[in-house]
Amino acid sequence: MATDSVTELIAELYSEMFARLLRLARTAGYGEEDAYELVQDTFCTAVRNADRLLASSNREGWLVNTLKNLIKNDKRERAKSPTILPAADDSFGPDAEAGYVPSSVDDYGFELEDLLTRAVGEEDYALFKDVRVYKLSDGELEAKYGTKAANCRNRAVRIKKKLMKALKNFS
């Protein structure tokens, strides 16, 4: 639980450290939006663990280490479970627009979106795309689905497993 003094301290650290942490995340190979999300997650962790932050003699270092841990966790998670569909910022050739996801596979004569939707249902597939393809922020996920973002992300992992199984059964 954050008191006014803790809130003020975190707000002060935010204004002092945000640009530095953003540069660190960008240096680690993240794009502007992903780096921004990691820095936001760093400060959310600071709020959740305010007692540890206050106990630290080097609060700036605590934030840097927290960001580094979030980066490691994110890279580990990405390596462990690659996305089925491309991220919104991936491109498909010189004429492709950012955010383009191919909807059909001509070789098989079916609509990819339809196949994936049928495999898990419309609501689950929409949530999966919001988390993995469009990479909605925690606040956007919570507003759209009315539950914690962590719950949405966990559900997306389960949906991904269903999609992987459906695609294996298809081929």
C-alpha atoms as a PDB file:
ATOM      1  CA  MET A   1       0.000   0.000   0.000  1.00  0.00           C
ATOM      2  CA  ALA A   2       1.541   3.289  -1.068  1.00  0.00           C
ATOM      3  CA  THR A   3       1.308   6.298   1.209  1.00  0.00           C
ATOM      4  CA  ASP A   4       1.569   9.875   0.018  1.00  0.00           C
ATOM      5  CA  SER A   5       5.294  10.065   0.828  1.00  0.00           C
ATOM      6  CA  VAL A   6       5.964   6.801  -1.023  1.00  0.00           C
ATOM      7  CA  THR A   7       3.893   8.025  -3.965  1.00  0.00           C
ATOM      8  CA  GLU A   8       5.856  11.269  -4.033  1.00  0.00           C
ATOM      9  CA  LEU A   9       9.170   9.385  -3.884  1.00  0.00           C
ATOM     10  CA  ILE A  10       8.170   7.102  -6.761  1.00  0.00           C
ATOM     11  CA  ALA A  11       6.917  10.092  -8.761  1.00  0.00           C
ATOM     12  CA  GLU A  12      10.258  11.836  -8.169  1.00  0.00           C
ATOM     13  CA  LEU A  13      12.189   8.714  -9.218  1.00  0.00           C
ATOM     14  CA  TYR A  14       9.942   8.430 -12.261  1.00  0.00           C
ATOM     15  CA  SER A  15      10.761  11.951 -13.419  1.00  0.00           C
ATOM     16  CA  GLU A  16      14.485  11.476 -12.715  1.00  0.00           C
ATOM     17  CA  MET A  17      14.939   7.957 -14.069  1.00  0.00           C
ATOM     18  CA  PHE A  18      12.396   7.463 -16.843  1.00  0.00           C
ATOM     19  CA  ALA A  19      14.602   8.629 -19.744  1.00  0.00           C
ATOM     20  CA  ARG A  20      17.606   6.673 -18.470  1.00  0.00           C
ATOM     21  CA  LEU A  21      15.594   3.473 -18.065  1.00  0.00           C
ATOM     22  CA  LEU A  22      14.013   3.950 -21.484  1.00  0.00           C
ATOM     23  CA  ARG A  23      17.495   4.255 -23.051  1.00  0.00           C
ATOM     24  CA  LEU A  24      18.573   1.105 -21.244  1.00  0.00           C
ATOM     25  CA  ALA A  25      15.591  -0.845 -22.578  1.00  0.00           C
ATOM     26  CA  ARG A  26      16.174   0.511 -26.100  1.00  0.00           C
ATOM     27  CA  THR A  27      19.845  -0.474 -25.833  1.00  0.00           C
ATOM     28  CA  ALA A  28      18.716  -4.004 -24.968  1.00  0.00           C
ATOM     29  CA  GLY A  29      17.135  -4.197 -28.419  1.00  0.00           C
ATOM     30  CA  TYR A  30      13.542  -3.176 -27.766  1.00  0.00           C
ATOM     31  CA  GLY A  31      11.518  -0.850 -29.953  1.00  0.00           C
ATOM     32  CA  GLU A  32      10.070   2.370 -28.575  1.00  0.00           C
ATOM     33  CA  GLU A  33       6.717   0.892 -27.506  1.00  0.00           C
ATOM     34  CA  ASP A  34       8.139  -2.273 -25.937  1.00  0.00           C
ATOM     35  CA  ALA A  35      10.826  -0.283 -24.137  1.00  0.00           C
ATOM     36  CA  TYR A  36       8.174   2.090 -22.821  1.00  0.00           C
ATOM     37  CA  GLU A  37       6.100  -0.865 -21.554  1.00  0.00           C
ATOM     38  CA  LEU A  38       9.118  -2.361 -19.785  1.00  0.00           C
ATOM     39  CA  VAL A  39       9.861   0.938 -18.051  1.00  0.00           C
ATOM     40  CA  GLN A  40       6.208   1.237 -17.038  1.00  0.00           C
ATOM     41  CA  ASP A  41       6.371  -2.310 -15.660  1.00  0.00           C
ATOM     42  CA  THR A  42       9.493  -1.319 -13.728  1.00  0.00           C
ATOM     43  CA  PHE A  43       7.604   1.434 -11.945  1.00  0.00           C
ATOM     44  CA  CYS A  44       4.591  -0.827 -11.370  1.00  0.00           C
ATOM     45  CA  THR A  45       6.996  -3.242  -9.679  1.00  0.00           C
ATOM     46  CA  ALA A  46       8.351  -0.342  -7.629  1.00  0.00           C
ATOM     47  CA  VAL A  47       4.834   0.490  -6.446  1.00  0.00           C
ATOM     48  CA  ARG A  48       4.065  -3.155  -5.617  1.00  0.00           C
ATOM     49  CA  ASN A  49       7.378  -3.545  -3.782  1.00  0.00           C
ATOM     50  CA  ALA A  50       7.608  -0.082  -2.246  1.00  0.00           C
ATOM     51  CA  ASP A  51       8.917  -1.511   1.021  1.00  0.00           C
ATOM     52  CA  ARG A  52      11.931  -3.047  -0.758  1.00  0.00           C
ATOM     53  CA  LEU A  53      12.518   0.141  -2.719  1.00  0.00           C
ATOM     54  CA  LEU A  54      12.447   2.230   0.453  1.00  0.00           C
ATOM     55  CA  ALA A  55      14.808  -0.185   2.221  1.00  0.00           C
ATOM     56  CA  SER A  56      17.349   0.102  -0.593  1.00  0.00           C
ATOM     57  CA  SER A  57      20.264   2.457  -0.065  1.00  0.00           C
ATOM     58  CA  ASN A  58      20.559   2.856  -3.860  1.00  0.00           C
ATOM     59  CA  ARG A  59      17.040   3.367  -5.206  1.00  0.00           C
ATOM     60  CA  GLU A  60      18.195   4.261  -8.710  1.00  0.00           C
ATOM     61  CA  GLY A  61      20.229   1.042  -8.815  1.00  0.00           C
ATOM     62  CA  TRP A  62      17.216  -0.877  -7.528  1.00  0.00           C
ATOM     63  CA  LEU A  63      15.155   0.438 -10.452  1.00  0.00           C
ATOM     64  CA  VAL A  64      17.912  -0.362 -12.965  1.00  0.00           C
ATOM     65  CA  ASN A  65      18.224  -3.914 -11.614  1.00  0.00           C
ATOM     66  CA  THR A  66      14.450  -4.327 -11.683  1.00  0.00           C
ATOM     67  CA  LEU A  67      14.380  -3.263 -15.339  1.00  0.00           C
ATOM     68  CA  LYS A  68      17.259  -5.630 -16.150  1.00  0.00           C
ATOM     69  CA  ASN A  69      15.350  -8.484 -14.501  1.00  0.00           C
ATOM     70  CA  LEU A  70      12.203  -7.614 -16.458  1.00  0.00           C
ATOM     71  CA  ILE A  71      14.249  -7.581 -19.680  1.00  0.00           C
ATOM     72  CA  LYS A  72      15.761 -10.993 -18.856  1.00  0.00           C
ATOM     73  CA  ASN A  73      12.341 -12.413 -18.027  1.00  0.00           C
ATOM     74  CA  ASP A  74      10.824 -10.986 -21.209  1.00  0.00           C
ATOM     75  CA  LYS A  75      13.614 -12.343 -23.420  1.00  0.00           C
ATOM     76  CA  ARG A  76      13.402 -15.737 -21.704  1.00  0.00           C
ATOM     77  CA  GLU A  77       9.641 -15.819 -22.231  1.00  0.00           C
ATOM     78  CA  ARG A  78       9.960 -14.815 -25.885  1.00  0.00           C
ATOM     79  CA  ALA A  79      12.612 -17.480 -26.493  1.00  0.00           C
ATOM     80  CA  LYS A  80      10.583 -20.128 -24.692  1.00  0.00           C
ATOM     81  CA  SER A  81       7.318 -19.487 -26.525  1.00  0.00           C
ATOM     82  CA  PRO A  82       7.638 -17.881 -29.950  1.00  0.00           C
ATOM     83  CA  THR A  83       4.477 -16.334 -31.292  1.00  0.00           C
ATOM     84  CA  ILE A  84       2.373 -18.178 -33.827  1.00  0.00           C
ATOM     85  CA  LEU A  85       1.385 -14.999 -35.556  1.00  0.00           C
ATOM     86  CA  PRO A  86       3.819 -12.189 -36.324  1.00  0.00           C
ATOM     87  CA  ALA A  87       4.006  -9.206 -34.017  1.00  0.00           C
ATOM     88  CA  ALA A  88       2.180  -6.083 -35.115  1.00  0.00           C
ATOM     89  CA  ASP A  89       5.429  -4.376 -36.087  1.00  0.00           C
ATOM     90  CA  ASP A  90       6.704  -7.227 -38.298  1.00  0.00           C
ATOM     91  CA  SER A  91       6.456  -6.634 -42.038  1.00  0.00           C
ATOM     92  CA  PHE A  92       5.762  -8.929 -44.953  1.00  0.00           C
ATOM     93  CA  GLY A  93       7.658  -7.419 -47.827  1.00  0.00           C
ATOM     94  CA  PRO A  94       8.256  -3.923 -49.136  1.00  0.00           C
ATOM     95  CA  ASP A  95       4.578  -3.053 -49.637  1.00  0.00           C
ATOM     96  CA  ALA A  96       3.348  -4.315 -46.276  1.00  0.00           C
ATOM     97  CA  GLU A  97       1.949  -1.914 -43.726  1.00  0.00           C
ATOM     98  CA  ALA A  98       2.913  -2.133 -40.063  1.00  0.00           C
ATOM     99  CA  GLY A  99       0.438  -4.306 -38.224  1.00  0.00           C
ATOM    100  CA  TYR A 100      -0.469  -6.370 -41.293  1.00  0.00           C
ATOM    101  CA  VAL A 101      -1.305  -9.975 -40.517  1.00  0.00           C
ATOM    102  CA  PRO A 102      -1.956 -12.214 -43.495  1.00  0.00           C
ATOM    103  CA  SER A 103      -5.501 -13.523 -43.372  1.00  0.00           C
ATOM    104  CA  SER A 104      -5.292 -16.360 -45.864  1.00  0.00           C
ATOM    105  CA  VAL A 105      -2.964 -19.044 -47.068  1.00  0.00           C
ATOM    106  CA  ASP A 106      -3.591 -19.551 -50.773  1.00  0.00           C
ATOM    107  CA  ASP A 107      -1.791 -22.920 -50.965  1.00  0.00           C
ATOM    108  CA  TYR A 108      -4.401 -24.543 -48.763  1.00  0.00           C
ATOM    109  CA  GLY A 109      -7.410 -22.508 -49.865  1.00  0.00           C
ATOM    110  CA  PHE A 110      -8.634 -21.565 -46.403  1.00  0.00           C
ATOM    111  CA  GLU A 111      -8.845 -18.434 -44.365  1.00  0.00           C
ATOM    112  CA  LEU A 112      -6.238 -18.527 -41.603  1.00  0.00           C
ATOM    113  CA  GLU A 113      -8.261 -16.204 -39.396  1.00  0.00           C
ATOM    114  CA  ASP A 114     -11.297 -18.487 -39.745  1.00  0.00           C
ATOM    115  CA  LEU A 115      -9.304 -21.607 -38.915  1.00  0.00           C
ATOM    116  CA  LEU A 116      -7.781 -20.056 -35.806  1.00  0.00           C
ATOM    117  CA  THR A 117     -11.093 -18.572 -34.699  1.00  0.00           C
ATOM    118  CA  ARG A 118     -12.803 -21.946 -35.057  1.00  0.00           C
ATOM    119  CA  ALA A 119     -10.017 -23.616 -33.076  1.00  0.00           C
ATOM    120  CA  VAL A 120     -10.477 -21.489 -29.931  1.00  0.00           C
ATOM    121  CA  GLY A 121     -13.601 -19.381 -30.403  1.00  0.00           C
ATOM    122  CA  GLU A 122     -14.012 -15.730 -31.332  1.00  0.00           C
ATOM    123  CA  GLU A 123     -13.598 -14.282 -27.841  1.00  0.00           C
ATOM    124  CA  ASP A 124     -10.426 -16.251 -27.060  1.00  0.00           C
ATOM    125  CA  TYR A 125      -8.888 -15.545 -30.452  1.00  0.00           C
ATOM    126  CA  ALA A 126      -9.597 -11.821 -30.055  1.00  0.00           C
ATOM    127  CA  LEU A 127      -7.917 -11.847 -26.640  1.00  0.00           C
ATOM    128  CA  PHE A 128      -4.950 -13.773 -28.038  1.00  0.00           C
ATOM    129  CA  LYS A 129      -4.490 -11.217 -30.821  1.00  0.00           C
ATOM    130  CA  ASP A 130      -4.797  -8.316 -28.369  1.00  0.00           C
ATOM    131  CA  VAL A 131      -2.056  -9.786 -26.169  1.00  0.00           C
ATOM    132  CA  ARG A 132       0.338 -11.360 -28.680  1.00  0.00           C
ATOM    133  CA  VAL A 133      -0.199  -9.515 -31.970  1.00  0.00           C
ATOM    134  CA  TYR A 134      -1.376  -6.029 -31.051  1.00  0.00           C
ATOM    135  CA  LYS A 135       0.451  -6.070 -27.683  1.00  0.00           C
ATOM    136  CA  LEU A 136      -2.088  -3.973 -25.820  1.00  0.00           C
ATOM    137  CA  SER A 137      -0.798  -2.335 -22.662  1.00  0.00           C
ATOM    138  CA  ASP A 138      -1.833  -3.616 -19.238  1.00  0.00           C
ATOM    139  CA  GLY A 139      -4.270  -0.739 -18.832  1.00  0.00           C
ATOM    140  CA  GLU A 140      -5.871  -1.381 -22.216  1.00  0.00           C
ATOM    141  CA  LEU A 141      -6.259  -5.098 -21.487  1.00  0.00           C
ATOM    142  CA  GLU A 142      -7.775  -4.427 -18.070  1.00  0.00           C
ATOM    143  CA  ALA A 143     -10.213  -1.885 -19.507  1.00  0.00           C
ATOM    144  CA  LYS A 144     -11.243  -4.104 -22.410  1.00  0.00           C
ATOM    145  CA  TYR A 145     -11.586  -7.417 -20.552  1.00  0.00           C
ATOM    146  CA  GLY A 146     -12.451  -6.252 -17.027  1.00  0.00           C
ATOM    147  CA  THR A 147      -9.794  -8.376 -15.342  1.00  0.00           C
ATOM    148  CA  LYS A 148      -6.134  -8.043 -14.435  1.00  0.00           C
ATOM    149  CA  ALA A 149      -3.687  -7.929 -17.345  1.00  0.00           C
ATOM    150  CA  ALA A 150      -1.777 -10.866 -15.843  1.00  0.00           C
ATOM    151  CA  ASN A 151      -4.959 -12.951 -16.100  1.00  0.00           C
ATOM    152  CA  CYS A 152      -5.308 -11.957 -19.758  1.00  0.00           C
ATOM    153  CA  ARG A 153      -1.690 -12.880 -20.455  1.00  0.00           C
ATOM    154  CA  ASN A 154      -2.052 -16.246 -18.702  1.00  0.00           C
ATOM    155  CA  ARG A 155      -5.210 -16.935 -20.655  1.00  0.00           C
ATOM    156  CA  ALA A 156      -3.375 -16.021 -23.881  1.00  0.00           C
ATOM    157  CA  VAL A 157      -0.735 -18.653 -23.061  1.00  0.00           C
ATOM    158  CA  ARG A 158      -3.445 -21.298 -22.698  1.00  0.00           C
ATOM    159  CA  ILE A 159      -5.070 -20.130 -25.941  1.00  0.00           C
ATOM    160  CA  LYS A 160      -1.717 -20.332 -27.708  1.00  0.00           C
ATOM    161  CA  LYS A 161      -1.384 -23.969 -26.639  1.00  0.00           C
ATOM    162  CA  LYS A 162      -4.819 -24.700 -28.114  1.00  0.00           C
ATOM    163  CA  LEU A 163      -3.847 -22.920 -31.340  1.00  0.00           C
ATOM    164  CA  MET A 164      -0.579 -24.856 -31.580  1.00  0.00           C
ATOM    165  CA  LYS A 165      -2.474 -28.124 -31.107  1.00  0.00           C
ATOM    166  CA  ALA A 166      -5.033 -27.136 -33.751  1.00  0.00           C
ATOM    167  CA  LEU A 167      -2.296 -26.234 -36.231  1.00  0.00           C
ATOM    168  CA  LYS A 168      -0.448 -29.529 -35.577  1.00  0.00           C
ATOM    169  CA  ASN A 169      -3.673 -31.472 -36.118  1.00  0.00           C
ATOM    170  CA  PHE A 170      -4.309 -29.536 -39.335  1.00  0.00           C
ATOM    171  CA  SER A 171      -0.973 -30.382 -40.941  1.00  0.00           C
END
